[in-house]
N, C-alpha and C. Protein backbone atom coordinates (compact mmCIF):
# COMPACT_ATOMS: atom_id res chain seq x y z
N MET A 1 -2.11 -31.91 -0.77
CA MET A 1 -3.73 -32.30 -0.69
C MET A 1 -4.40 -30.76 -0.95
N PRO A 2 -5.34 -30.89 -1.81
CA PRO A 2 -6.06 -29.58 -2.33
C PRO A 2 -6.73 -29.11 -1.06
N VAL A 3 -6.83 -27.75 -1.29
CA VAL A 3 -7.38 -26.77 -0.28
C VAL A 3 -8.74 -26.17 -0.83
N ALA A 4 -9.74 -26.10 -0.32
CA ALA A 4 -10.94 -25.47 -1.07
C ALA A 4 -11.03 -23.91 -0.18
N ILE A 5 -11.18 -22.97 -1.13
CA ILE A 5 -11.45 -21.55 -0.88
C ILE A 5 -12.49 -21.06 -1.05
N HIS A 6 -13.51 -20.81 -0.04
CA HIS A 6 -14.91 -20.33 -0.23
C HIS A 6 -15.06 -18.74 -0.09
N THR A 7 -15.58 -18.29 -1.22
CA THR A 7 -15.83 -16.50 -1.31
C THR A 7 -17.16 -16.52 -1.03
N ARG A 8 -17.56 -15.14 -0.65
CA ARG A 8 -18.85 -14.83 -0.32
C ARG A 8 -18.92 -13.31 -0.10
N TYR A 9 -19.92 -12.70 -0.85
CA TYR A 9 -20.42 -11.34 -0.97
C TYR A 9 -20.78 -10.74 0.24
N LEU A 10 -20.46 -9.90 0.92
CA LEU A 10 -20.89 -9.20 2.17
C LEU A 10 -21.34 -7.96 1.90
N PRO A 11 -22.56 -7.59 2.02
CA PRO A 11 -23.38 -6.26 1.60
C PRO A 11 -22.96 -5.19 2.64
N ALA A 12 -22.99 -4.15 1.97
CA ALA A 12 -22.68 -2.84 2.98
C ALA A 12 -23.73 -2.61 4.16
N THR A 13 -23.22 -2.18 4.99
CA THR A 13 -23.75 -1.94 6.35
C THR A 13 -23.69 -0.34 6.64
N ASP A 14 -24.16 -0.05 8.03
CA ASP A 14 -24.03 1.51 8.19
C ASP A 14 -22.82 1.99 8.36
N THR A 15 -22.09 1.07 8.60
CA THR A 15 -20.42 1.48 9.11
C THR A 15 -19.48 0.82 7.98
N ARG A 16 -19.82 -0.04 7.31
CA ARG A 16 -18.92 -0.66 6.26
C ARG A 16 -19.46 -0.82 4.79
N PRO A 17 -18.46 -0.59 3.77
CA PRO A 17 -18.93 -0.71 2.55
C PRO A 17 -19.05 -2.21 2.13
N SER A 18 -19.39 -2.58 0.98
CA SER A 18 -19.51 -3.93 0.46
C SER A 18 -18.31 -4.53 0.12
N ARG A 19 -18.24 -5.80 0.38
CA ARG A 19 -16.82 -6.34 0.36
C ARG A 19 -16.99 -7.75 0.05
N VAL A 20 -15.90 -8.55 -0.19
CA VAL A 20 -15.67 -10.20 -0.42
C VAL A 20 -14.71 -10.74 0.41
N LYS A 21 -15.13 -11.65 1.18
CA LYS A 21 -14.52 -12.43 1.99
C LYS A 21 -14.18 -13.96 1.42
N ALA A 22 -12.93 -14.21 1.56
CA ALA A 22 -12.30 -15.57 1.16
C ALA A 22 -11.90 -16.43 2.31
N SER A 23 -12.37 -17.46 2.73
CA SER A 23 -12.01 -18.24 3.69
C SER A 23 -11.78 -19.72 3.48
N THR A 24 -11.03 -20.54 4.25
CA THR A 24 -10.84 -21.76 4.32
C THR A 24 -10.70 -22.23 5.87
N ARG A 25 -10.87 -23.74 6.28
CA ARG A 25 -10.74 -24.14 7.37
C ARG A 25 -9.55 -25.07 7.48
N ARG A 26 -8.82 -24.79 8.31
CA ARG A 26 -7.53 -25.54 8.58
C ARG A 26 -7.59 -26.18 9.67
N GLY A 27 -7.93 -27.47 9.99
CA GLY A 27 -8.19 -28.07 10.97
C GLY A 27 -9.61 -27.82 11.65
N SER A 28 -9.94 -28.35 12.85
CA SER A 28 -11.29 -28.43 13.13
C SER A 28 -11.67 -26.96 13.71
N ASP A 29 -10.81 -26.09 14.25
CA ASP A 29 -11.15 -24.96 14.78
C ASP A 29 -10.40 -23.47 14.32
N VAL A 30 -9.58 -23.85 13.34
CA VAL A 30 -8.83 -22.73 12.87
C VAL A 30 -9.45 -22.37 11.36
N VAL A 31 -9.71 -21.18 11.19
CA VAL A 31 -10.03 -20.36 9.77
C VAL A 31 -9.26 -19.41 9.53
N TRP A 32 -8.92 -19.34 8.04
CA TRP A 32 -7.77 -18.55 7.64
C TRP A 32 -8.65 -17.58 6.73
N SER A 33 -8.65 -16.39 6.68
CA SER A 33 -9.43 -15.50 5.87
C SER A 33 -8.99 -14.25 5.52
N VAL A 34 -9.27 -13.69 4.34
CA VAL A 34 -9.18 -12.22 3.88
C VAL A 34 -9.96 -11.90 3.25
N THR A 35 -10.29 -10.40 3.61
CA THR A 35 -11.45 -9.71 3.03
C THR A 35 -11.04 -8.63 2.22
N ILE A 36 -11.52 -8.34 1.09
CA ILE A 36 -11.19 -7.04 0.26
C ILE A 36 -12.48 -6.27 -0.18
N PRO A 37 -12.15 -5.03 -0.29
CA PRO A 37 -13.19 -4.10 -0.86
C PRO A 37 -13.94 -4.84 -2.08
N TYR A 38 -15.35 -4.58 -2.37
CA TYR A 38 -15.99 -4.87 -3.56
C TYR A 38 -15.81 -3.68 -4.38
N ASP A 39 -15.21 -3.98 -5.54
CA ASP A 39 -15.06 -2.72 -6.49
C ASP A 39 -15.90 -2.68 -7.75
N HIS A 40 -16.96 -3.56 -7.81
CA HIS A 40 -18.06 -3.49 -8.97
C HIS A 40 -17.25 -3.76 -10.31
N GLU A 41 -15.93 -4.51 -10.38
CA GLU A 41 -15.44 -4.87 -11.72
C GLU A 41 -15.67 -6.24 -12.12
N GLY A 42 -16.25 -6.96 -11.28
CA GLY A 42 -16.74 -8.33 -11.70
C GLY A 42 -15.82 -9.45 -11.26
N ARG A 43 -14.44 -9.18 -10.85
CA ARG A 43 -13.72 -10.32 -10.67
C ARG A 43 -13.08 -10.21 -9.18
N GLU A 44 -14.03 -9.80 -8.11
CA GLU A 44 -13.80 -9.58 -6.75
C GLU A 44 -13.76 -10.98 -6.29
N HIS A 45 -14.43 -11.90 -6.48
CA HIS A 45 -14.33 -13.14 -5.92
C HIS A 45 -12.96 -13.95 -6.09
N GLU A 46 -12.55 -13.77 -7.33
CA GLU A 46 -11.31 -14.53 -7.85
C GLU A 46 -10.12 -13.67 -7.15
N ARG A 47 -10.11 -12.26 -7.08
CA ARG A 47 -9.05 -11.38 -6.33
C ARG A 47 -9.01 -11.86 -4.95
N ALA A 48 -10.13 -11.95 -4.39
CA ALA A 48 -10.13 -12.45 -2.76
C ALA A 48 -9.52 -13.68 -2.60
N ALA A 49 -10.20 -14.72 -3.44
CA ALA A 49 -9.35 -16.08 -3.19
C ALA A 49 -7.89 -16.01 -3.42
N ASP A 50 -7.41 -15.41 -4.58
CA ASP A 50 -6.13 -15.30 -4.82
C ASP A 50 -5.34 -14.57 -3.95
N ALA A 51 -5.94 -13.47 -3.29
CA ALA A 51 -5.19 -13.00 -2.11
C ALA A 51 -4.86 -14.17 -0.98
N LEU A 52 -5.88 -14.72 -0.71
CA LEU A 52 -5.78 -15.72 0.52
C LEU A 52 -4.62 -16.71 -0.02
N ARG A 53 -4.61 -17.18 -1.27
CA ARG A 53 -3.80 -18.07 -1.84
C ARG A 53 -2.35 -17.42 -1.77
N LEU A 54 -2.18 -16.25 -2.19
CA LEU A 54 -0.93 -15.79 -2.06
C LEU A 54 -0.43 -15.49 -0.47
N LYS A 55 -1.14 -15.45 0.23
CA LYS A 55 -0.70 -15.40 1.79
C LYS A 55 -0.36 -16.77 2.12
N HIS A 56 -1.05 -17.79 2.14
CA HIS A 56 -0.68 -18.99 2.56
C HIS A 56 -0.05 -20.11 1.69
N TRP A 57 -0.43 -20.05 0.36
CA TRP A 57 0.46 -20.92 -0.41
C TRP A 57 0.80 -20.45 -1.88
N PRO A 58 1.78 -19.61 -1.84
CA PRO A 58 2.27 -18.48 -2.99
C PRO A 58 2.66 -19.48 -4.02
N ALA A 59 3.21 -20.51 -4.03
CA ALA A 59 3.54 -21.51 -5.01
C ALA A 59 2.79 -22.37 -5.73
N LEU A 60 1.57 -22.61 -5.23
CA LEU A 60 0.44 -23.41 -5.50
C LEU A 60 -0.51 -22.88 -6.59
N PRO A 61 -0.94 -23.57 -7.66
CA PRO A 61 -1.89 -22.89 -8.64
C PRO A 61 -3.24 -23.11 -7.98
N MET A 62 -4.39 -22.32 -8.50
CA MET A 62 -5.34 -21.98 -8.23
C MET A 62 -6.56 -22.23 -9.31
N VAL A 63 -7.50 -22.88 -9.04
CA VAL A 63 -8.57 -23.04 -10.19
C VAL A 63 -9.98 -22.83 -9.87
N TYR A 64 -11.02 -22.42 -10.57
CA TYR A 64 -12.26 -22.03 -10.20
C TYR A 64 -13.01 -23.22 -10.23
N ALA A 65 -13.80 -23.46 -9.24
CA ALA A 65 -14.53 -24.93 -9.09
C ALA A 65 -15.93 -24.77 -9.16
N GLY A 66 -16.34 -23.52 -8.91
CA GLY A 66 -18.00 -23.48 -9.26
C GLY A 66 -18.44 -22.52 -8.31
N SER A 67 -19.81 -22.14 -8.35
CA SER A 67 -20.32 -21.18 -7.58
C SER A 67 -21.19 -21.80 -6.27
N THR A 68 -21.55 -21.11 -5.43
CA THR A 68 -22.34 -21.87 -4.23
C THR A 68 -23.55 -21.87 -4.45
N ILE A 69 -24.41 -22.73 -3.72
CA ILE A 69 -25.71 -22.91 -4.04
C ILE A 69 -26.71 -21.64 -3.75
N ASP A 70 -26.15 -20.93 -2.74
CA ASP A 70 -27.05 -19.60 -2.33
C ASP A 70 -26.84 -18.43 -3.35
N GLY A 71 -25.70 -18.54 -4.30
CA GLY A 71 -25.44 -17.57 -5.18
C GLY A 71 -24.62 -16.30 -4.82
N ARG A 72 -24.28 -16.43 -3.53
CA ARG A 72 -23.51 -15.41 -2.89
C ARG A 72 -21.93 -15.59 -2.70
N GLY A 73 -21.62 -16.47 -3.47
CA GLY A 73 -20.15 -16.73 -3.34
C GLY A 73 -19.64 -18.04 -4.57
N GLU A 74 -18.28 -18.18 -4.39
CA GLU A 74 -17.72 -19.01 -5.29
C GLU A 74 -16.74 -19.74 -4.63
N VAL A 75 -16.17 -20.93 -5.06
CA VAL A 75 -15.39 -21.97 -4.54
C VAL A 75 -13.98 -22.18 -5.50
N TYR A 76 -12.90 -21.93 -4.88
CA TYR A 76 -11.78 -21.92 -5.77
C TYR A 76 -10.89 -23.34 -5.13
N VAL A 77 -9.86 -24.16 -5.84
CA VAL A 77 -9.17 -24.89 -5.24
C VAL A 77 -7.66 -24.69 -5.68
N VAL A 78 -6.82 -24.81 -4.41
CA VAL A 78 -5.67 -24.66 -4.43
C VAL A 78 -4.89 -25.79 -4.37
N GLY A 79 -3.75 -26.08 -5.09
CA GLY A 79 -2.82 -27.32 -5.18
C GLY A 79 -3.30 -28.50 -5.66
N LEU A 80 -3.99 -28.51 -6.93
CA LEU A 80 -4.30 -29.46 -7.59
C LEU A 80 -3.02 -29.85 -8.24
């Protein structure tokens, strides 16, 4: 069954630098996530989604599905 990974940009705060978080919901109350630093190279969302994929589904392929409506993230699909 395919799994959707949602990424989003987290802006810098007084105590933390900018970062990108990739997450997916597994069941009704379990969320798996990975957060990586934002390095301004342009592929941060893909790298965050791939880090989550490698952690939980290393043998499955991942494809880009589109951007989010708010423009702050992207959606990837694992296991097509």
